[in-house]
């Protein structure tokens, strides 16, 4: 069973923190979701899931491009 005392929201590569933050705001903007700089506790679970899901989709796409030798990725 998972340890409930640890956070799953940690950045594994600290150098990527700013890029992840920028991607989150870019994706939210694309989806028409308003994010504040800082706390977003008023964000619905649905919107948070949409933002996170689209971020994952973009990261997978960027990795696939890198693995295929294409260099069209921004992340």
N, C-alpha and C. Protein backbone atom coordinates (compact mmCIF):
# COMPACT_ATOMS: atom_id res chain seq x y z
N UNK A 1 0.85 -1.18 0.00
CA UNK A 1 0.00 0.00 0.00
C UNK A 1 0.89 1.24 0.00
N UNK A 2 0.45 2.30 -0.66
CA UNK A 2 1.24 3.52 -0.78
C UNK A 2 1.34 4.27 0.55
N UNK A 3 2.44 4.94 0.72
CA UNK A 3 2.65 5.76 1.91
C UNK A 3 1.88 7.07 1.74
N UNK A 4 0.89 7.31 2.55
CA UNK A 4 0.03 8.50 2.43
C UNK A 4 0.68 9.76 2.97
N UNK A 5 1.87 9.65 3.58
CA UNK A 5 2.53 10.82 4.14
C UNK A 5 3.39 11.56 3.13
N UNK A 6 3.62 11.00 1.96
CA UNK A 6 4.47 11.66 0.96
C UNK A 6 3.61 12.32 -0.11
N UNK A 7 4.14 13.40 -0.67
CA UNK A 7 3.43 14.13 -1.70
C UNK A 7 3.80 13.58 -3.07
N UNK A 8 2.84 13.50 -3.96
CA UNK A 8 3.09 13.08 -5.33
C UNK A 8 3.28 14.27 -6.26
N UNK A 9 3.25 15.49 -5.73
CA UNK A 9 3.36 16.70 -6.53
C UNK A 9 4.78 17.23 -6.59
N UNK A 10 5.75 16.42 -6.38
CA UNK A 10 7.13 16.88 -6.34
C UNK A 10 7.74 16.87 -7.74
N UNK A 11 8.54 17.89 -8.01
CA UNK A 11 9.29 17.96 -9.26
C UNK A 11 10.52 17.08 -9.08
N UNK A 12 10.70 16.07 -9.91
CA UNK A 12 11.84 15.17 -9.79
C UNK A 12 13.13 15.78 -10.31
N UNK A 13 13.01 16.72 -11.25
CA UNK A 13 14.17 17.41 -11.80
C UNK A 13 13.99 18.90 -11.49
N UNK A 14 14.62 19.39 -10.43
CA UNK A 14 14.40 20.78 -10.01
C UNK A 14 14.65 21.81 -11.12
N UNK A 15 15.56 21.51 -12.04
CA UNK A 15 15.84 22.43 -13.14
C UNK A 15 14.64 22.60 -14.08
N UNK A 16 13.67 21.70 -14.00
CA UNK A 16 12.50 21.76 -14.88
C UNK A 16 11.33 22.51 -14.24
N UNK A 17 11.51 22.99 -13.01
CA UNK A 17 10.40 23.61 -12.27
C UNK A 17 9.75 24.76 -13.06
N UNK A 18 10.56 25.67 -13.58
CA UNK A 18 10.01 26.82 -14.29
C UNK A 18 9.31 26.40 -15.58
N UNK A 19 9.89 25.44 -16.30
CA UNK A 19 9.26 24.97 -17.54
C UNK A 19 7.92 24.31 -17.25
N UNK A 20 7.84 23.53 -16.16
CA UNK A 20 6.58 22.88 -15.79
C UNK A 20 5.53 23.92 -15.41
N UNK A 21 5.95 24.93 -14.67
CA UNK A 21 5.04 26.01 -14.28
C UNK A 21 4.51 26.72 -15.52
N UNK A 22 5.40 27.03 -16.45
CA UNK A 22 5.00 27.71 -17.69
C UNK A 22 4.07 26.83 -18.52
N UNK A 23 4.38 25.53 -18.60
CA UNK A 23 3.53 24.62 -19.36
C UNK A 23 2.13 24.56 -18.75
N UNK A 24 2.06 24.49 -17.43
CA UNK A 24 0.77 24.42 -16.75
C UNK A 24 -0.08 25.64 -17.10
N UNK A 25 0.52 26.81 -17.06
CA UNK A 25 -0.23 28.03 -17.37
C UNK A 25 -0.59 28.11 -18.85
N UNK A 26 0.30 27.64 -19.71
CA UNK A 26 0.01 27.63 -21.15
C UNK A 26 -1.16 26.70 -21.46
N UNK A 27 -1.15 25.51 -20.89
CA UNK A 27 -2.22 24.54 -21.12
C UNK A 27 -3.54 25.08 -20.55
N UNK A 28 -3.49 25.64 -19.35
CA UNK A 28 -4.71 26.21 -18.76
C UNK A 28 -5.27 27.30 -19.65
N UNK A 29 -4.41 28.15 -20.18
CA UNK A 29 -4.85 29.22 -21.07
C UNK A 29 -5.49 28.64 -22.34
N UNK A 30 -4.88 27.60 -22.91
CA UNK A 30 -5.44 26.95 -24.10
C UNK A 30 -6.82 26.38 -23.83
N UNK A 31 -7.04 25.91 -22.60
CA UNK A 31 -8.32 25.31 -22.23
C UNK A 31 -9.33 26.33 -21.72
N UNK A 32 -8.90 27.57 -21.58
CA UNK A 32 -9.79 28.61 -21.08
C UNK A 32 -9.98 28.56 -19.57
N UNK A 33 -9.03 27.98 -18.86
CA UNK A 33 -9.09 27.87 -17.41
C UNK A 33 -8.19 28.94 -16.81
N UNK A 34 -8.71 29.73 -15.88
CA UNK A 34 -7.94 30.79 -15.25
C UNK A 34 -7.18 30.24 -14.06
N UNK A 35 -5.85 30.41 -14.07
CA UNK A 35 -5.02 30.02 -12.95
C UNK A 35 -4.44 31.27 -12.31
N UNK A 36 -4.37 31.26 -10.98
CA UNK A 36 -3.71 32.33 -10.25
C UNK A 36 -2.24 31.99 -10.10
N UNK A 37 -1.43 33.00 -9.86
CA UNK A 37 -0.03 32.76 -9.52
C UNK A 37 0.00 32.41 -8.04
N UNK A 38 0.16 31.14 -7.73
CA UNK A 38 0.15 30.70 -6.35
C UNK A 38 -0.96 29.69 -6.13
N UNK A 39 -1.73 29.89 -5.08
CA UNK A 39 -2.77 28.94 -4.66
C UNK A 39 -3.94 28.93 -5.63
N UNK A 40 -4.36 27.72 -6.02
CA UNK A 40 -5.50 27.55 -6.91
C UNK A 40 -6.48 26.54 -6.32
N UNK A 41 -6.74 26.65 -5.03
CA UNK A 41 -7.62 25.72 -4.34
C UNK A 41 -9.06 25.78 -4.80
N UNK A 42 -9.42 26.84 -5.50
CA UNK A 42 -10.79 26.97 -5.99
C UNK A 42 -10.98 26.28 -7.35
N UNK A 43 -9.92 25.71 -7.90
CA UNK A 43 -9.98 25.04 -9.19
C UNK A 43 -10.76 23.73 -9.05
N UNK A 44 -11.67 23.49 -9.97
CA UNK A 44 -12.45 22.25 -9.89
C UNK A 44 -11.56 21.06 -10.22
N UNK A 45 -11.95 19.91 -9.72
CA UNK A 45 -11.21 18.67 -10.01
C UNK A 45 -11.21 18.39 -11.50
N UNK A 46 -12.32 18.69 -12.14
CA UNK A 46 -12.43 18.47 -13.59
C UNK A 46 -11.40 19.31 -14.34
N UNK A 47 -11.30 20.61 -14.00
CA UNK A 47 -10.34 21.48 -14.68
C UNK A 47 -8.91 21.09 -14.36
N UNK A 48 -8.64 20.74 -13.12
CA UNK A 48 -7.29 20.31 -12.74
C UNK A 48 -6.89 19.06 -13.52
N UNK A 49 -7.82 18.14 -13.67
CA UNK A 49 -7.57 16.92 -14.44
C UNK A 49 -7.34 17.20 -15.91
N UNK A 50 -8.10 18.12 -16.45
CA UNK A 50 -7.92 18.50 -17.85
C UNK A 50 -6.54 19.10 -18.08
N UNK A 51 -6.13 19.98 -17.17
CA UNK A 51 -4.81 20.62 -17.29
C UNK A 51 -3.72 19.56 -17.18
N UNK A 52 -3.78 18.73 -16.15
CA UNK A 52 -2.76 17.70 -15.95
C UNK A 52 -2.72 16.70 -17.10
N UNK A 53 -3.87 16.29 -17.57
CA UNK A 53 -3.93 15.33 -18.67
C UNK A 53 -3.32 15.88 -19.95
N UNK A 54 -3.60 17.14 -20.23
CA UNK A 54 -3.03 17.77 -21.42
C UNK A 54 -1.54 18.00 -21.27
N UNK A 55 -1.08 18.29 -20.06
CA UNK A 55 0.36 18.41 -19.83
C UNK A 55 1.06 17.08 -20.11
N UNK A 56 0.49 15.99 -19.61
CA UNK A 56 1.07 14.67 -19.84
C UNK A 56 1.08 14.36 -21.33
N UNK A 57 0.00 14.67 -22.02
CA UNK A 57 -0.07 14.43 -23.46
C UNK A 57 1.05 15.17 -24.19
N UNK A 58 1.28 16.44 -23.82
CA UNK A 58 2.34 17.23 -24.46
C UNK A 58 3.72 16.68 -24.13
N UNK A 59 3.93 16.24 -22.89
CA UNK A 59 5.23 15.69 -22.52
C UNK A 59 5.52 14.39 -23.25
N UNK A 60 4.52 13.54 -23.40
CA UNK A 60 4.69 12.29 -24.13
C UNK A 60 5.00 12.60 -25.59
N UNK A 61 4.27 13.53 -26.17
CA UNK A 61 4.50 13.91 -27.56
C UNK A 61 5.92 14.44 -27.75
N UNK A 62 6.40 15.27 -26.83
CA UNK A 62 7.75 15.82 -26.92
C UNK A 62 8.79 14.70 -26.82
N UNK A 63 8.57 13.76 -25.91
CA UNK A 63 9.51 12.65 -25.76
C UNK A 63 9.51 11.77 -27.00
N UNK A 64 8.35 11.50 -27.58
CA UNK A 64 8.27 10.71 -28.80
C UNK A 64 9.02 11.39 -29.94
N UNK A 65 8.89 12.72 -30.02
CA UNK A 65 9.63 13.46 -31.06
C UNK A 65 11.13 13.34 -30.84
N UNK A 66 11.55 13.48 -29.60
CA UNK A 66 12.97 13.38 -29.29
C UNK A 66 13.50 11.99 -29.63
N UNK A 67 12.72 10.96 -29.29
CA UNK A 67 13.16 9.59 -29.54
C UNK A 67 13.19 9.28 -31.03
N UNK A 68 12.33 9.93 -31.81
CA UNK A 68 12.29 9.67 -33.24
C UNK A 68 13.31 10.51 -34.01
N UNK A 69 13.94 11.45 -33.33
CA UNK A 69 14.93 12.30 -33.99
C UNK A 69 14.37 13.60 -34.49
N UNK A 70 13.06 13.79 -34.42
CA UNK A 70 12.45 15.07 -34.80
C UNK A 70 12.80 16.08 -33.75
N UNK A 71 12.97 17.33 -34.14
CA UNK A 71 13.33 18.35 -33.18
C UNK A 71 12.29 19.46 -33.18
N UNK A 72 11.02 19.12 -33.19
CA UNK A 72 9.97 20.12 -33.21
C UNK A 72 9.36 20.40 -31.87
N UNK A 73 10.01 19.95 -30.79
CA UNK A 73 9.44 20.10 -29.47
C UNK A 73 9.88 21.39 -28.80
N UNK A 74 8.96 21.97 -28.02
CA UNK A 74 9.26 23.17 -27.25
C UNK A 74 9.61 22.82 -25.82
N UNK A 75 9.37 21.59 -25.35
CA UNK A 75 9.58 21.23 -23.96
C UNK A 75 10.66 20.20 -23.83
